[in-house]
Structures are given as structure tokens and as C-alpha cells.
Amino acid sequence: MKNLSGLSHLFATVFLHYYAVFMVVPAITDVTMAAICPGENECSLAIYLTGFQQTIIGVGSLVMMPLVGNLSDKYGRKPLLALPMALAIIPLATLAYSRTRYFFYAYYVLKTLTSIICDGSINCLALAYVADNVAEGRRATAFGVLSGIGSSAFVCGTFSSRFLSTDSTFKVSASVAFVSLVYMKVFLQDSIVDQNLSTPILSNGKCRVDVVDKSTKKVQVFKTMPSLEDMSCLLRSSVTFTQAAVVAFFSNLTDVGLHASLMYYLKAKFHFNKDQFADLMVISGVAGTFSQLILLPILAPLLGEGKLLSLGLFFTCAHTILYSIAWSSWVPYAASMFSILFVFTQPCMRTIVSKQVGSSEQGKAQGCISGIGSIANVISPLLFSPLTALFLSERAPFDFPGFSIMCVGFASMVALIQSMMIRMEPPIAEEKAHNSDYAEA
């Protein structure tokens, strides 16, 4: 590893930020229901509002994620991290002040606008930072550790929420989010971005290359904005990259669909509340943290990223379908234990993508995949939120409250099938190095 100190500060920054963000997750469903439909266990308006919010965030993120990745390749990761981390504090502080109906709607608007930049960008930039400082052969382990840090923050955040009042939860969350921003600004060293590095994918003679004036070292912001041509070049750069992008789309379709539906489903069917949501998340988080920090570093060198990706998607499918047919309140707790294996999906997919581009394009590649995931974030609520509202209401065509979640499981099956077809090509960065050596000779 090139910059161990920088990675440790990055991990601390990611932990603090996600600790603050995840702390409010168990409480937000109850806060939403209390503000919009007080005293009820089923509220179609709350489901539709959540779905609409995710759609708007997805549309915005579709533009912002590739842009953030591109800009980070030019200006470094740290300056780009500061903006989403600062914006994330605003909606948390709003509910920390009050959770009445009007303040909830103010939070709703602020959360929607800030999440266009915040959602996904911190993870995208953190992945690019890790790729800057870790050799290709160890990236699967490093990405797994980064995901494990996120999972441990998830565990600690939801565990804290279990023992805090709703009022205290939002106040503590806003405070920790501010601390994470200050910590990042003070301690995190930026990645070294070498402007002299060539661009292996976009310099193949078929795609446009933006040249930086080395004499002045000035970069025009608009020249760093990603175009459809840039994304098309990335997708055409290798079959592996394209297949990973398809997996990313259906994987995100599954994640967003499950997140949008599950809590309302459990509240309607089993009357879950904030504490039970927190218990469920702690179980899932502990299992996922153990897997990413202990199992993934052991299994990745033995099985490879491709097989672990398929294994993770298989258990994603299994646990989603188990949620949909839950016949008792203990079944969701059993299903959450599957996270010990389905958490392999993201770090393995991101590792495969990382190995297909050069060191000067890590932000662009991760941003491209995040942007493709954002397309799924737009489509998923449009598909699954109406289904969830319909099958949790009295107008359901047949008695199957978990039908929308079952449909989410079918989307994960598509991702699983595609993952088993991925061709593990040699890393493009290695091919370029070999070609350069040959040319020099």
C-alpha cells in the first residue's frame, strides 16, 4: 500500500460519516408516518413520497456521479469529498431541531436536493481514493475493508439508535456528521493525481481526449464534465466492464427496491417500530462486517472476484425472497443473517471495474458505475413503490403483502445470471504497461 496513513484517515472519515447517516435510518420511517399519517400502520402517501424522492435523487445522481468522479481525477479526492459531507449535515440538523409536519416537509425537500450530490458520491470517491493507494492485486481486499468499515458504521449507528430517543438520535447524528467533516479537512491527505499519466481507454484513437495544458496546468471545468461519448467509450472499452455495468444496474435496482419497500412492509404486516428496525439492522450489519473484514480477505485470493460476486448475488436473491414470504416476525431476523454472504456483491463488482481502467481514470470509472446505478435508482421506485402501496392496501388483487419484494428478488436473479457470464479479462492497466514496455524496446 502506497499511503497507509491516508487510508487509515479515509476509513475513519467514512466510518464517522456513515455512523451519522445510518443512525437515523431506523427512526425515519416512524418520523415519516407520524408526520404524514399519525396513528396509522399503513400509509400509501408515505410510500409514494419515499418513491418520488428516490426517483428525483436518482435522476440527479445520474448526472452528478460521473461528474464528481471526473472532477476528482483532475482536482483530487479530498476537495470533492468536502461538498457532499457538508451538505449531508443540513437535513439532519433540520429534524434535530423539530419533527413536526412542516419541518418534516422542509427536511424532505432538503434531503432530496442534497442527496443528489451526497448519495453515492462519498462511496465513489472513497473507492477511487483506495484504488489510488492500493496495488491491483490487493484491491478486492481493500475494497472489502472499506465496505466493512461502512458495515461497522451501520452496526454502531443502528445500535446507538436502539438506545437513544428519537429527539436525541437526530441531534447526535448531526453532531457526528459535523465532526466527520472537520476530521476529514484536518487529517486526510489527498491522493496524488499525476496529470502526466496517460489515459488508456480514451486514447485508443476512437474516443475524444481532453488535453490539459501542462505549461499552465489550468483545467477548464466544463472540459472535465462527462459526456455520453465518454461513458460510451468506457462501456465499450472491454466486455468485462460492460457486463459489470449490467450487474451494477440490476443490483442497484434490487437494493433500492428493497430499501423502499421493506420497512413499510414489516410495519404493516408485523407492526415493527424503530427499535425492531434497529435490531434487524444490527444483526445484518454485524454479519456483514464480519464477512467483509474477515471472510472476504481470505476468500478473494482463493476464489477470485467473479465467483464471489455470483455468490453474493445468489444470497441477495435468497434473502429477498425469504423476506417476501415471511410467515412470522422471526423470519426477517433470519433473512438478515444472509448478509454474511450477500455483502460480497459491491466490493467484488467495484474491484472488477477498477481493474479495467488505468490509474488516471479510477474516479471516472467508479463514477460511471455509480451513474448507471443511479438509472436503477430512478426506475426502481417507479416500479416497486406503486406495487408496495397496492399490495399493502385493501385494494390488493390477491393476498400477498410481500409481492413487490418478491419482484425485487426476480431483479436480483437477472443480476446473478449476468454475473455468471462475466469474462474476467486481464486488467487494462497491465496490458497498457506491457504495450508500453514493448514500444520502448
Protein backbone atom coordinates (compact mmCIF):
# COMPACT_ATOMS: atom_id res chain seq x y z
CA MET A 1 0.00 0.00 0.00
CA LYS A 2 1.35 3.39 -1.03
CA ASN A 3 -0.27 5.58 1.64
CA LEU A 4 -1.26 3.61 4.73
CA SER A 5 -1.71 6.73 6.85
CA GLY A 6 -4.01 8.28 4.25
CA LEU A 7 -6.10 5.10 4.07
CA SER A 8 -6.49 4.97 7.86
CA HIS A 9 -7.75 8.57 7.90
CA LEU A 10 -10.06 7.81 4.98
CA PHE A 11 -11.50 4.82 6.83
CA ALA A 12 -12.03 6.96 9.94
CA THR A 13 -13.75 9.64 7.86
CA VAL A 14 -16.02 7.11 6.17
CA PHE A 15 -16.86 5.48 9.50
CA LEU A 16 -17.83 8.76 11.18
CA HIS A 17 -19.90 9.95 8.23
CA TYR A 18 -21.83 6.72 7.78
CA TYR A 19 -22.25 6.35 11.54
CA ALA A 20 -24.10 9.68 11.49
CA VAL A 21 -26.15 8.81 8.40
CA PHE A 22 -27.17 5.30 9.47
CA MET A 23 -28.10 6.37 12.99
CA VAL A 24 -31.34 7.94 11.73
CA VAL A 25 -32.39 5.10 9.39
CA PRO A 26 -34.40 3.09 11.96
CA ALA A 27 -36.24 6.22 13.10
CA ILE A 28 -37.06 7.81 9.77
CA THR A 29 -39.99 5.51 8.95
CA ASP A 30 -41.73 6.30 12.26
CA VAL A 31 -40.97 10.02 11.83
CA THR A 32 -42.42 9.96 8.31
CA MET A 33 -45.55 8.10 9.36
CA ALA A 34 -46.07 10.33 12.42
CA ALA A 35 -45.80 13.48 10.31
CA ILE A 36 -47.98 12.34 7.40
CA CYS A 37 -50.32 9.65 8.75
CA PRO A 38 -50.27 9.86 12.57
CA GLY A 39 -51.52 6.77 14.39
CA GLU A 40 -51.61 4.51 11.31
CA ASN A 41 -49.59 1.41 10.40
CA GLU A 42 -50.16 1.69 6.64
CA CYS A 43 -49.87 4.90 4.63
CA SER A 44 -49.76 4.90 0.84
CA LEU A 45 -48.83 8.60 0.75
CA ALA A 46 -45.64 7.92 2.75
CA ILE A 47 -44.68 5.11 0.35
CA TYR A 48 -45.29 7.28 -2.71
CA LEU A 49 -43.36 10.21 -1.22
CA THR A 50 -40.40 7.94 -0.49
CA GLY A 51 -40.53 6.53 -4.03
CA PHE A 52 -40.78 10.01 -5.58
CA GLN A 53 -37.82 11.20 -3.52
CA GLN A 54 -35.68 8.27 -4.64
CA THR A 55 -36.63 8.90 -8.27
CA ILE A 56 -35.60 12.57 -8.12
CA ILE A 57 -32.36 11.65 -6.34
CA GLY A 58 -31.66 9.01 -8.97
CA VAL A 59 -32.17 11.45 -11.86
CA GLY A 60 -29.85 13.98 -10.26
CA SER A 61 -27.26 11.38 -9.31
CA LEU A 62 -27.21 10.12 -12.89
CA VAL A 63 -25.62 13.43 -13.86
CA MET A 64 -23.66 14.14 -10.70
CA MET A 65 -21.87 10.83 -10.09
CA PRO A 66 -19.87 10.74 -13.35
CA LEU A 67 -19.16 14.48 -12.94
CA VAL A 68 -17.88 14.05 -9.39
CA GLY A 69 -15.70 11.13 -10.48
CA ASN A 70 -14.30 13.10 -13.42
CA LEU A 71 -13.53 16.17 -11.34
CA SER A 72 -11.83 14.08 -8.66
CA ASP A 73 -9.44 12.70 -11.30
CA LYS A 74 -8.42 16.28 -12.09
CA TYR A 75 -8.53 18.03 -8.71
CA GLY A 76 -8.05 15.18 -6.24
CA ARG A 77 -10.44 13.25 -3.98
CA LYS A 78 -10.33 15.42 -0.85
CA PRO A 79 -11.75 18.67 -2.32
CA LEU A 80 -14.64 16.73 -3.85
CA LEU A 81 -15.36 14.89 -0.57
CA ALA A 82 -15.87 18.14 1.35
CA LEU A 83 -19.01 19.21 -0.54
CA PRO A 84 -21.25 16.13 -0.02
CA MET A 85 -20.09 15.73 3.58
CA ALA A 86 -21.04 19.34 4.34
CA LEU A 87 -24.40 19.13 2.56
CA ALA A 88 -25.34 15.93 4.42
CA ILE A 89 -25.42 17.85 7.70
CA ILE A 90 -28.26 20.20 6.65
CA PRO A 91 -31.25 17.76 6.56
CA LEU A 92 -30.06 16.03 9.74
CA ALA A 93 -29.92 19.37 11.56
CA THR A 94 -33.45 20.18 10.36
CA LEU A 95 -35.01 17.14 12.05
CA ALA A 96 -32.74 17.62 15.05
CA TYR A 97 -34.47 20.98 15.54
CA SER A 98 -38.06 19.74 15.09
CA ARG A 99 -40.03 16.84 13.59
CA THR A 100 -43.43 18.47 13.21
CA ARG A 101 -45.20 18.20 9.87
CA TYR A 102 -43.84 21.42 8.37
CA PHE A 103 -40.29 20.71 9.49
CA PHE A 104 -40.62 17.20 8.09
CA TYR A 105 -41.57 18.60 4.69
CA ALA A 106 -38.62 21.02 4.90
CA TYR A 107 -36.39 18.02 5.68
CA TYR A 108 -37.94 16.12 2.78
CA VAL A 109 -37.09 18.87 0.28
CA LEU A 110 -33.59 19.45 1.69
CA LYS A 111 -32.85 15.73 1.80
CA THR A 112 -33.94 15.32 -1.81
CA LEU A 113 -31.77 18.19 -3.04
CA THR A 114 -28.66 17.38 -1.02
CA SER A 115 -28.83 13.65 -1.75
CA ILE A 116 -28.50 14.35 -5.46
CA ILE A 117 -24.87 15.18 -4.66
CA CYS A 118 -24.37 13.18 -1.46
CA ASP A 119 -25.85 9.78 -2.25
CA GLY A 120 -23.18 7.58 -3.76
CA SER A 121 -20.54 10.28 -4.22
CA ILE A 122 -18.78 9.64 -0.92
CA ASN A 123 -18.59 5.92 -1.65
CA CYS A 124 -17.47 6.61 -5.23
CA LEU A 125 -14.69 8.97 -4.10
CA ALA A 126 -13.60 6.65 -1.29
CA LEU A 127 -13.28 3.76 -3.75
CA ALA A 128 -11.22 5.92 -6.10
CA TYR A 129 -9.01 7.03 -3.18
CA VAL A 130 -8.38 3.40 -2.22
CA ALA A 131 -7.59 2.49 -5.84
CA ASP A 132 -5.06 5.36 -5.91
CA ASN A 133 -3.17 3.87 -2.99
CA VAL A 134 -3.54 0.09 -3.33
CA ALA A 135 -2.00 -2.22 -5.92
CA GLU A 136 -4.36 -4.11 -8.24
CA GLY A 137 -3.71 -7.47 -6.62
CA ARG A 138 -4.89 -6.24 -3.23
CA ARG A 139 -7.84 -4.09 -4.26
CA ALA A 140 -10.51 -6.71 -3.61
CA THR A 141 -9.32 -6.97 -0.01
CA ALA A 142 -9.02 -3.18 0.34
CA PHE A 143 -12.48 -2.57 -1.13
CA GLY A 144 -13.81 -5.26 1.19
CA VAL A 145 -12.25 -3.48 4.17
CA LEU A 146 -13.82 -0.20 3.03
CA SER A 147 -17.22 -1.90 2.77
CA GLY A 148 -16.59 -3.49 6.17
CA ILE A 149 -15.94 -0.05 7.64
CA GLY A 150 -19.27 1.07 6.22
CA SER A 151 -20.98 -2.01 7.67
CA SER A 152 -19.41 -1.44 11.09
CA ALA A 153 -20.66 2.17 10.97
CA PHE A 154 -24.08 0.77 10.09
CA VAL A 155 -23.95 -1.53 13.12
CA CYS A 156 -22.78 1.17 15.51
CA GLY A 157 -25.25 3.72 14.16
CA THR A 158 -28.30 1.48 14.34
CA PHE A 159 -27.19 0.11 17.72
CA SER A 160 -26.93 3.65 19.07
CA SER A 161 -30.37 4.45 17.68
CA ARG A 162 -31.75 1.48 19.58
CA PHE A 163 -30.92 3.15 22.90
CA LEU A 164 -31.45 6.82 22.02
CA SER A 165 -34.73 8.70 21.93
CA THR A 166 -35.86 9.94 18.53
CA ASP A 167 -35.08 13.53 19.54
CA SER A 168 -31.55 12.63 20.69
CA THR A 169 -30.91 10.44 17.64
CA PHE A 170 -31.10 13.33 15.18
CA LYS A 171 -29.10 15.69 17.40
CA VAL A 172 -26.28 13.19 17.86
CA SER A 173 -26.37 12.33 14.14
CA ALA A 174 -25.99 15.97 13.05
CA SER A 175 -23.14 16.47 15.54
CA VAL A 176 -21.20 13.41 14.37
CA ALA A 177 -21.69 14.40 10.71
CA PHE A 178 -20.09 17.76 11.52
CA VAL A 179 -17.21 16.04 13.34
CA SER A 180 -16.58 13.80 10.34
CA LEU A 181 -16.28 16.83 8.06
CA VAL A 182 -13.81 18.54 10.40
CA TYR A 183 -11.78 15.33 10.78
CA MET A 184 -11.56 14.91 7.02
CA LYS A 185 -10.45 18.51 6.45
CA VAL A 186 -7.77 18.34 9.16
CA PHE A 187 -6.30 14.85 8.81
CA LEU A 188 -6.99 13.37 5.38
CA GLN A 189 -4.18 13.72 2.86
CA ASP A 190 -5.28 13.96 -0.74
CA SER A 191 -4.38 11.32 -3.29
CA ILE A 192 -1.54 12.26 -5.62
CA VAL A 193 -3.08 12.80 -9.04
CA ASP A 194 -0.37 12.66 -11.69
CA GLN A 195 -1.55 14.81 -14.61
CA ASN A 196 1.18 13.28 -16.80
CA LEU A 197 -0.46 9.88 -16.68
CA SER A 198 -1.91 8.86 -20.00
CA THR A 199 -5.49 7.75 -20.41
CA PRO A 200 -5.54 4.17 -21.67
CA ILE A 201 -9.18 3.88 -22.61
CA LEU A 202 -9.85 7.30 -24.06
CA SER A 203 -6.59 7.48 -26.03
CA ASN A 204 -7.17 4.48 -28.25
CA GLY A 205 -7.78 6.64 -31.30
CA LYS A 206 -11.53 6.14 -31.30
CA CYS A 207 -12.59 8.42 -28.47
CA ARG A 208 -12.06 12.07 -27.69
CA VAL A 209 -9.33 13.00 -25.21
CA ASP A 210 -9.33 16.26 -23.23
CA VAL A 211 -5.78 17.55 -23.09
CA VAL A 212 -4.55 19.56 -20.13
CA ASP A 213 -2.27 22.49 -20.78
CA LYS A 214 0.83 21.36 -18.91
CA SER A 215 2.54 24.74 -19.17
CA THR A 216 -0.20 26.50 -17.22
CA LYS A 217 -1.73 23.41 -15.56
CA LYS A 218 -5.13 25.01 -15.84
CA VAL A 219 -8.11 22.75 -16.35
CA GLN A 220 -11.36 24.00 -17.73
CA VAL A 221 -14.20 22.73 -15.53
CA PHE A 222 -16.50 22.20 -18.48
CA LYS A 223 -13.88 20.06 -20.19
CA THR A 224 -13.97 17.70 -17.24
CA MET A 225 -17.71 17.25 -17.47
CA PRO A 226 -18.51 13.72 -18.67
CA SER A 227 -20.29 13.31 -21.96
CA LEU A 228 -22.29 10.42 -23.31
CA GLU A 229 -19.32 9.74 -25.58
CA ASP A 230 -17.02 9.34 -22.56
CA MET A 231 -19.38 6.91 -20.86
CA SER A 232 -19.90 5.05 -24.13
CA CYS A 233 -16.13 4.71 -24.53
CA LEU A 234 -15.83 3.29 -21.03
CA LEU A 235 -18.61 0.79 -21.68
CA ARG A 236 -17.04 -0.23 -24.99
CA SER A 237 -13.55 -0.46 -23.51
CA SER A 238 -13.97 -4.10 -22.51
CA VAL A 239 -16.65 -6.76 -22.40
CA THR A 240 -15.93 -7.19 -18.69
CA PHE A 241 -16.67 -3.54 -17.96
CA THR A 242 -19.95 -3.71 -19.87
CA GLN A 243 -21.06 -6.89 -18.09
CA ALA A 244 -20.15 -5.40 -14.71
CA ALA A 245 -22.25 -2.34 -15.60
CA VAL A 246 -25.27 -4.57 -16.27
CA VAL A 247 -24.76 -6.29 -12.92
CA ALA A 248 -24.48 -2.87 -11.26
CA PHE A 249 -27.79 -1.78 -12.78
CA PHE A 250 -29.81 -4.79 -11.62
CA SER A 251 -28.01 -4.94 -8.27
CA ASN A 252 -28.94 -1.31 -7.58
CA LEU A 253 -32.47 -1.97 -8.81
CA THR A 254 -32.69 -4.67 -6.13
CA ASP A 255 -31.13 -2.62 -3.33
CA VAL A 256 -33.28 0.47 -3.89
CA GLY A 257 -36.45 -1.56 -4.38
CA LEU A 258 -35.88 -3.49 -1.16
CA HIS A 259 -34.98 -0.35 0.81
CA ALA A 260 -38.08 1.49 -0.43
CA SER A 261 -40.48 -1.35 0.40
CA LEU A 262 -39.15 -3.41 3.29
CA MET A 263 -39.76 -1.15 6.29
CA TYR A 264 -43.31 -0.25 5.23
CA TYR A 265 -43.98 -3.95 4.58
CA LEU A 266 -42.69 -5.00 8.01
CA LYS A 267 -44.58 -2.20 9.74
CA ALA A 268 -47.85 -3.14 8.02
CA LYS A 269 -47.53 -6.91 8.44
CA PHE A 270 -45.75 -7.29 11.80
CA HIS A 271 -46.14 -3.77 13.30
CA PHE A 272 -42.38 -3.21 13.54
CA ASN A 273 -41.23 0.06 15.11
CA LYS A 274 -37.94 1.97 15.43
CA ASP A 275 -36.42 -0.44 17.97
CA GLN A 276 -37.26 -3.55 15.97
CA PHE A 277 -35.94 -1.97 12.77
CA ALA A 278 -32.72 -1.19 14.66
CA ASP A 279 -32.44 -4.79 15.94
CA LEU A 280 -32.88 -6.10 12.41
CA MET A 281 -30.23 -3.76 11.03
CA VAL A 282 -27.75 -4.55 13.79
CA ILE A 283 -27.99 -8.27 13.02
CA SER A 284 -27.48 -7.62 9.31
CA GLY A 285 -24.66 -5.18 9.96
CA VAL A 286 -22.73 -7.42 12.36
CA ALA A 287 -22.90 -10.33 9.92
CA GLY A 288 -21.84 -8.09 7.03
CA THR A 289 -18.97 -6.51 8.96
CA PHE A 290 -17.59 -9.90 9.97
CA SER A 291 -17.83 -11.11 6.38
CA GLN A 292 -16.15 -8.09 4.78
CA LEU A 293 -13.35 -7.72 7.32
CA ILE A 294 -12.62 -11.42 7.95
CA LEU A 295 -14.04 -13.66 5.21
CA LEU A 296 -13.53 -11.51 2.11
CA PRO A 297 -9.74 -11.05 2.56
CA ILE A 298 -9.44 -14.84 2.89
CA LEU A 299 -11.79 -15.87 0.07
CA ALA A 300 -10.92 -13.23 -2.56
CA PRO A 301 -7.42 -14.62 -3.35
CA LEU A 302 -8.75 -18.19 -3.34
CA LEU A 303 -11.94 -17.85 -5.40
CA GLY A 304 -11.50 -14.57 -7.27
CA GLU A 305 -13.82 -11.60 -7.55
CA GLY A 306 -16.03 -13.18 -10.23
CA LYS A 307 -17.09 -16.20 -8.19
CA LEU A 308 -17.56 -14.17 -5.02
CA LEU A 309 -19.74 -11.71 -6.95
CA SER A 310 -22.02 -14.55 -8.08
CA LEU A 311 -22.10 -15.99 -4.57
CA GLY A 312 -23.10 -12.64 -3.12
CA LEU A 313 -25.87 -12.16 -5.68
CA PHE A 314 -27.23 -15.65 -5.05
CA PHE A 315 -27.71 -14.88 -1.37
CA THR A 316 -29.11 -11.44 -2.23
CA CYS A 317 -31.79 -13.22 -4.20
CA ALA A 318 -32.39 -15.79 -1.45
CA HIS A 319 -32.75 -13.30 1.40
CA THR A 320 -35.04 -11.01 -0.63
CA ILE A 321 -37.42 -13.84 -1.49
CA LEU A 322 -37.38 -15.02 2.14
CA TYR A 323 -38.47 -11.54 3.26
CA SER A 324 -41.34 -11.62 0.77
CA ILE A 325 -42.82 -14.86 2.13
CA ALA A 326 -42.16 -14.17 5.83
CA TRP A 327 -44.83 -16.05 7.79
CA SER A 328 -43.76 -14.96 11.26
CA SER A 329 -42.00 -11.98 12.84
CA TRP A 330 -38.81 -14.01 13.41
CA VAL A 331 -38.32 -14.75 9.70
CA PRO A 332 -36.98 -11.25 8.84
CA TYR A 333 -34.33 -11.69 11.53
CA ALA A 334 -33.26 -15.00 9.96
CA ALA A 335 -33.22 -13.44 6.48
CA SER A 336 -31.00 -10.59 7.68
CA MET A 337 -28.31 -13.13 8.61
CA PHE A 338 -27.80 -13.78 4.89
CA SER A 339 -25.85 -10.53 4.77
CA ILE A 340 -22.82 -12.56 5.84
CA LEU A 341 -22.56 -13.57 2.17
CA PHE A 342 -24.55 -11.08 0.05
CA VAL A 343 -22.26 -8.20 1.12
CA PHE A 344 -19.62 -9.61 -1.25
CA THR A 345 -21.50 -8.06 -4.18
CA GLN A 346 -20.42 -4.43 -4.10
CA PRO A 347 -16.69 -4.74 -3.29
CA CYS A 348 -16.23 -7.54 -5.85
CA MET A 349 -18.09 -5.66 -8.58
CA ARG A 350 -16.13 -2.46 -7.89
CA THR A 351 -12.85 -4.40 -7.93
CA ILE A 352 -13.65 -5.88 -11.34
CA VAL A 353 -14.38 -2.39 -12.67
CA SER A 354 -11.26 -0.90 -11.08
CA LYS A 355 -9.00 -3.41 -12.81
CA GLN A 356 -10.38 -2.50 -16.24
CA VAL A 357 -9.09 1.10 -16.24
CA GLY A 358 -5.80 2.87 -15.69
CA SER A 359 -4.70 4.73 -12.59
CA SER A 360 -5.70 8.11 -14.04
CA GLU A 361 -9.32 7.01 -14.60
CA GLN A 362 -10.38 5.46 -11.32
CA GLY A 363 -12.74 8.31 -10.44
CA LYS A 364 -14.23 8.32 -13.93
CA ALA A 365 -14.83 4.56 -13.93
CA GLN A 366 -16.32 4.44 -10.43
CA GLY A 367 -18.44 7.49 -11.25
CA CYS A 368 -19.67 5.81 -14.43
CA ILE A 369 -20.78 2.72 -12.50
CA SER A 370 -22.41 4.91 -9.85
CA GLY A 371 -24.20 6.80 -12.62
CA ILE A 372 -25.50 3.56 -14.10
CA GLY A 373 -26.67 2.60 -10.62
CA SER A 374 -28.48 5.93 -10.48
CA ILE A 375 -30.52 4.94 -13.53
CA ALA A 376 -31.73 1.98 -11.47
CA ASN A 377 -32.47 4.40 -8.63
CA VAL A 378 -34.83 6.24 -10.97
CA ILE A 379 -36.58 3.16 -12.31
CA SER A 380 -36.84 1.15 -9.09
CA PRO A 381 -39.27 3.43 -7.19
CA LEU A 382 -41.43 3.78 -10.29
CA LEU A 383 -41.74 0.00 -10.42
CA PHE A 384 -41.87 -1.07 -6.80
CA SER A 385 -43.41 1.80 -4.81
CA PRO A 386 -46.85 1.52 -6.52
CA LEU A 387 -46.71 -2.27 -6.12
CA THR A 388 -45.89 -1.96 -2.42
CA ALA A 389 -48.67 0.57 -1.82
CA LEU A 390 -51.16 -1.58 -3.74
CA PHE A 391 -50.41 -4.90 -2.05
CA LEU A 392 -50.32 -3.37 1.44
CA SER A 393 -53.72 -1.76 0.92
CA GLU A 394 -57.23 -3.20 0.94
CA ARG A 395 -57.34 -2.89 -2.87
CA ALA A 396 -54.76 -5.67 -3.41
CA PRO A 397 -55.86 -8.02 -6.23
CA PHE A 398 -54.80 -11.01 -4.11
CA ASP A 399 -53.50 -11.52 -0.58
CA PHE A 400 -49.71 -11.34 -0.90
CA PRO A 401 -48.31 -8.34 1.05
CA GLY A 402 -44.75 -9.24 0.04
CA PHE A 403 -45.44 -9.43 -3.70
CA SER A 404 -43.42 -6.29 -4.52
CA ILE A 405 -40.45 -7.68 -2.59
CA MET A 406 -40.76 -10.95 -4.49
CA CYS A 407 -40.49 -8.91 -7.72
CA VAL A 408 -37.36 -7.28 -6.31
CA GLY A 409 -35.96 -10.79 -5.86
CA PHE A 410 -36.56 -11.51 -9.55
CA ALA A 411 -34.44 -8.46 -10.45
CA SER A 412 -31.59 -9.87 -8.36
CA MET A 413 -31.89 -13.13 -10.32
CA VAL A 414 -31.12 -11.22 -13.52
CA ALA A 415 -28.00 -9.76 -11.90
CA LEU A 416 -26.98 -13.23 -10.74
CA ILE A 417 -27.32 -14.71 -14.23
CA GLN A 418 -25.31 -11.87 -15.77
CA SER A 419 -22.57 -12.19 -13.13
CA MET A 420 -22.04 -15.83 -14.06
CA MET A 421 -21.42 -14.74 -17.67
CA ILE A 422 -18.73 -12.17 -16.88
CA ARG A 423 -15.49 -12.74 -18.78
CA MET A 424 -12.58 -11.99 -16.47
CA GLU A 425 -10.25 -10.23 -18.91
CA PRO A 426 -6.71 -9.19 -17.93
CA PRO A 427 -6.57 -5.74 -16.31
CA ILE A 428 -6.32 -3.00 -18.93
CA ALA A 429 -3.69 -1.19 -16.88
CA GLU A 430 -1.44 -4.25 -17.10
CA GLU A 431 -1.98 -4.55 -20.84
CA LYS A 432 -1.03 -0.93 -21.31
CA ALA A 433 2.12 -1.39 -19.24
CA HIS A 434 3.15 -4.38 -21.37
CA ASN A 435 2.44 -2.48 -24.58
CA SER A 436 4.48 0.49 -23.36
CA ASP A 437 7.43 -1.74 -22.50
CA TYR A 438 7.25 -3.31 -25.94
CA ALA A 439 7.14 0.10 -27.65
CA GLU A 440 10.16 1.35 -25.67
CA ALA A 441 12.10 -1.75 -26.59
